[in-house]
Amino acid sequence: MSDADTNDAVENEYVEDGSNKLLVKCKFCGSKILERKSGKFVTKEIDLPLMEQDKRAEAKVQYEKINQFFFVENMYTFENIGFTHTIDNCKYLSCADCDAGPVGYYNMDTKHSYVALSRVKHE
């Protein structure tokens, strides 16, 4: 399946009129992160730290390329989200209830947030 086919499948399942069709929840505890229709679907390639790091990697952080996000213009749109300390001009997003993450990132320059579709549950 090509990247375009994958994007089309994701858009059909999770996106309606350019926004999240379903509630966005934490994969681990089920806490609600975003209401329906509150994030805009965007594609951009970003390296996010893995949610579970290999402890044998001797303090080297492992990353994963992610290219499908829900863009959230205002951080007060979130229902339940935590922000890390600033790292390289961004803050990583985590579930405020169970601290699972990062589920996305917050750009300090633009003041915009991006939630990775692959890091959350859609209901």
C-alpha atoms as a PDB file:
ATOM      1  CA  MET A   1       0.000   0.000   0.000  1.00  0.00           C
ATOM      2  CA  SER A   2       1.441   3.390  -0.982  1.00  0.00           C
ATOM      3  CA  ASP A   3       1.590   6.429   1.312  1.00  0.00           C
ATOM      4  CA  ALA A   4      -1.267   8.008  -0.661  1.00  0.00           C
ATOM      5  CA  ASP A   5      -3.410   4.870  -0.198  1.00  0.00           C
ATOM      6  CA  THR A   6      -2.605   4.819   3.529  1.00  0.00           C
ATOM      7  CA  ASN A   7      -3.550   8.505   3.862  1.00  0.00           C
ATOM      8  CA  ASP A   8      -6.828   7.877   2.003  1.00  0.00           C
ATOM      9  CA  ALA A   9      -7.672   4.931   4.287  1.00  0.00           C
ATOM     10  CA  VAL A  10      -6.935   6.998   7.405  1.00  0.00           C
ATOM     11  CA  GLU A  11      -8.945   9.926   6.103  1.00  0.00           C
ATOM     12  CA  ASN A  12     -11.936   7.674   5.383  1.00  0.00           C
ATOM     13  CA  GLU A  13     -11.813   6.047   8.824  1.00  0.00           C
ATOM     14  CA  TYR A  14     -10.830   8.904  11.156  1.00  0.00           C
ATOM     15  CA  VAL A  15     -11.389  12.152   9.213  1.00  0.00           C
ATOM     16  CA  GLU A  16     -14.582  13.854   8.108  1.00  0.00           C
ATOM     17  CA  ASP A  17     -14.645  17.284   6.437  1.00  0.00           C
ATOM     18  CA  GLY A  18     -10.939  17.672   7.252  1.00  0.00           C
ATOM     19  CA  SER A  19     -11.383  17.190  11.033  1.00  0.00           C
ATOM     20  CA  ASN A  20     -11.314  14.298  13.474  1.00  0.00           C
ATOM     21  CA  LYS A  21     -14.523  12.329  12.956  1.00  0.00           C
ATOM     22  CA  LEU A  22     -14.283  10.494  16.295  1.00  0.00           C
ATOM     23  CA  LEU A  23     -13.297  11.252  19.878  1.00  0.00           C
ATOM     24  CA  VAL A  24      -9.527  11.095  20.403  1.00  0.00           C
ATOM     25  CA  LYS A  25      -8.582   9.177  23.558  1.00  0.00           C
ATOM     26  CA  CYS A  26      -5.504   7.852  25.324  1.00  0.00           C
ATOM     27  CA  LYS A  27      -4.573   4.339  24.119  1.00  0.00           C
ATOM     28  CA  PHE A  28      -3.681   3.293  27.645  1.00  0.00           C
ATOM     29  CA  CYS A  29      -6.272   4.700  30.050  1.00  0.00           C
ATOM     30  CA  GLY A  30      -9.044   5.822  27.680  1.00  0.00           C
ATOM     31  CA  SER A  31      -9.049   9.420  28.931  1.00  0.00           C
ATOM     32  CA  LYS A  32     -10.547  11.867  26.402  1.00  0.00           C
ATOM     33  CA  ILE A  33      -7.958  14.087  24.708  1.00  0.00           C
ATOM     34  CA  LEU A  34      -9.996  15.790  21.963  1.00  0.00           C
ATOM     35  CA  GLU A  35     -13.700  16.187  21.200  1.00  0.00           C
ATOM     36  CA  ARG A  36     -15.009  15.325  17.737  1.00  0.00           C
ATOM     37  CA  LYS A  37     -14.320  17.945  15.049  1.00  0.00           C
ATOM     38  CA  SER A  38     -11.715  19.800  17.132  1.00  0.00           C
ATOM     39  CA  GLY A  39      -8.520  18.875  15.258  1.00  0.00           C
ATOM     40  CA  LYS A  40      -7.657  19.414  11.584  1.00  0.00           C
ATOM     41  CA  PHE A  41      -6.040  16.497   9.726  1.00  0.00           C
ATOM     42  CA  VAL A  42      -2.580  17.380   8.388  1.00  0.00           C
ATOM     43  CA  THR A  43       0.342  15.446   6.980  1.00  0.00           C
ATOM     44  CA  LYS A  44       3.867  16.483   7.901  1.00  0.00           C
ATOM     45  CA  GLU A  45       6.841  14.296   8.725  1.00  0.00           C
ATOM     46  CA  ILE A  46       8.125  14.638  12.288  1.00  0.00           C
ATOM     47  CA  ASP A  47      10.423  12.469  14.409  1.00  0.00           C
ATOM     48  CA  LEU A  48       8.755  11.784  17.767  1.00  0.00           C
ATOM     49  CA  PRO A  49      10.451   9.886  20.594  1.00  0.00           C
ATOM     50  CA  LEU A  50       9.126   6.344  20.938  1.00  0.00           C
ATOM     51  CA  MET A  51       6.510   5.914  23.659  1.00  0.00           C
ATOM     52  CA  GLU A  52       8.498   2.986  25.051  1.00  0.00           C
ATOM     53  CA  GLN A  53      12.245   3.454  24.958  1.00  0.00           C
ATOM     54  CA  ASP A  54      14.700   0.556  24.817  1.00  0.00           C
ATOM     55  CA  LYS A  55      16.430   0.744  28.210  1.00  0.00           C
ATOM     56  CA  ARG A  56      19.498  -1.027  26.792  1.00  0.00           C
ATOM     57  CA  ALA A  57      20.209   1.881  24.411  1.00  0.00           C
ATOM     58  CA  GLU A  58      22.419   3.598  27.015  1.00  0.00           C
ATOM     59  CA  ALA A  59      20.504   6.879  27.382  1.00  0.00           C
ATOM     60  CA  LYS A  60      20.120   7.414  23.647  1.00  0.00           C
ATOM     61  CA  VAL A  61      16.561   8.431  22.782  1.00  0.00           C
ATOM     62  CA  GLN A  62      14.963   6.427  19.962  1.00  0.00           C
ATOM     63  CA  TYR A  63      12.622   8.169  17.501  1.00  0.00           C
ATOM     64  CA  GLU A  64       9.896   7.195  15.058  1.00  0.00           C
ATOM     65  CA  LYS A  65       8.913   9.087  11.891  1.00  0.00           C
ATOM     66  CA  ILE A  66       5.240  10.057  12.011  1.00  0.00           C
ATOM     67  CA  ASN A  67       3.389  11.857   9.241  1.00  0.00           C
ATOM     68  CA  GLN A  68      -0.316  11.984  10.191  1.00  0.00           C
ATOM     69  CA  PHE A  69      -1.520  14.434  12.808  1.00  0.00           C
ATOM     70  CA  PHE A  70      -4.514  16.291  14.084  1.00  0.00           C
ATOM     71  CA  PHE A  71      -3.541  19.967  14.173  1.00  0.00           C
ATOM     72  CA  VAL A  72      -4.893  21.876  17.178  1.00  0.00           C
ATOM     73  CA  GLU A  73      -4.565  25.640  16.916  1.00  0.00           C
ATOM     74  CA  ASN A  74      -5.360  26.525  20.537  1.00  0.00           C
ATOM     75  CA  MET A  75      -4.040  24.466  23.458  1.00  0.00           C
ATOM     76  CA  TYR A  76      -7.251  25.155  25.403  1.00  0.00           C
ATOM     77  CA  THR A  77      -9.098  22.986  22.864  1.00  0.00           C
ATOM     78  CA  PHE A  78      -7.723  19.865  24.583  1.00  0.00           C
ATOM     79  CA  GLU A  79      -9.838  17.999  27.107  1.00  0.00           C
ATOM     80  CA  ASN A  80      -6.971  16.319  28.906  1.00  0.00           C
ATOM     81  CA  ILE A  81      -3.349  16.828  27.888  1.00  0.00           C
ATOM     82  CA  GLY A  82      -0.005  17.324  29.603  1.00  0.00           C
ATOM     83  CA  PHE A  83       3.032  19.246  28.339  1.00  0.00           C
ATOM     84  CA  THR A  84       6.696  18.387  28.993  1.00  0.00           C
ATOM     85  CA  HIS A  85       9.449  20.888  29.681  1.00  0.00           C
ATOM     86  CA  THR A  86      10.709  22.631  26.538  1.00  0.00           C
ATOM     87  CA  ILE A  87      13.115  20.550  24.446  1.00  0.00           C
ATOM     88  CA  ASP A  88      14.540  22.043  21.229  1.00  0.00           C
ATOM     89  CA  ASN A  89      11.769  24.655  21.014  1.00  0.00           C
ATOM     90  CA  CYS A  90       8.922  22.178  21.467  1.00  0.00           C
ATOM     91  CA  LYS A  91       7.022  20.499  24.257  1.00  0.00           C
ATOM     92  CA  TYR A  92       5.847  16.914  23.946  1.00  0.00           C
ATOM     93  CA  LEU A  93       2.204  16.090  24.641  1.00  0.00           C
ATOM     94  CA  SER A  94       1.137  13.328  27.021  1.00  0.00           C
ATOM     95  CA  CYS A  95      -2.063  12.073  28.620  1.00  0.00           C
ATOM     96  CA  ALA A  96      -2.669  14.185  31.723  1.00  0.00           C
ATOM     97  CA  ASP A  97      -4.219  11.211  33.560  1.00  0.00           C
ATOM     98  CA  CYS A  98      -1.662   8.429  33.035  1.00  0.00           C
ATOM     99  CA  ASP A  99       1.346  10.358  31.588  1.00  0.00           C
ATOM    100  CA  ALA A 100       1.529   8.094  28.500  1.00  0.00           C
ATOM    101  CA  GLY A 101       3.305   9.785  25.662  1.00  0.00           C
ATOM    102  CA  PRO A 102       4.442  11.497  23.735  1.00  0.00           C
ATOM    103  CA  VAL A 103       1.176  11.496  21.793  1.00  0.00           C
ATOM    104  CA  GLY A 104       2.267  14.580  19.868  1.00  0.00           C
ATOM    105  CA  TYR A 105       4.053  17.880  20.262  1.00  0.00           C
ATOM    106  CA  TYR A 106       3.516  21.609  20.817  1.00  0.00           C
ATOM    107  CA  ASN A 107       5.544  24.049  18.699  1.00  0.00           C
ATOM    108  CA  MET A 108       6.782  26.954  20.848  1.00  0.00           C
ATOM    109  CA  ASP A 109       7.150  29.316  17.861  1.00  0.00           C
ATOM    110  CA  THR A 110       3.678  28.880  16.378  1.00  0.00           C
ATOM    111  CA  LYS A 111       1.887  27.943  19.636  1.00  0.00           C
ATOM    112  CA  HIS A 112       0.196  25.097  17.728  1.00  0.00           C
ATOM    113  CA  SER A 113      -0.160  21.455  18.756  1.00  0.00           C
ATOM    114  CA  TYR A 114      -0.073  18.260  16.726  1.00  0.00           C
ATOM    115  CA  VAL A 115      -1.526  14.934  17.932  1.00  0.00           C
ATOM    116  CA  ALA A 116      -0.182  11.832  16.152  1.00  0.00           C
ATOM    117  CA  LEU A 117      -3.030   9.662  14.879  1.00  0.00           C
ATOM    118  CA  SER A 118      -0.996   6.495  15.477  1.00  0.00           C
ATOM    119  CA  ARG A 119      -0.410   7.335  19.155  1.00  0.00           C
ATOM    120  CA  VAL A 120      -4.062   7.657  20.227  1.00  0.00           C
ATOM    121  CA  LYS A 121      -7.333   5.702  20.175  1.00  0.00           C
ATOM    122  CA  HIS A 122     -10.273   6.836  18.012  1.00  0.00           C
ATOM    123  CA  GLU A 123     -13.816   6.137  19.258  1.00  0.00           C
END
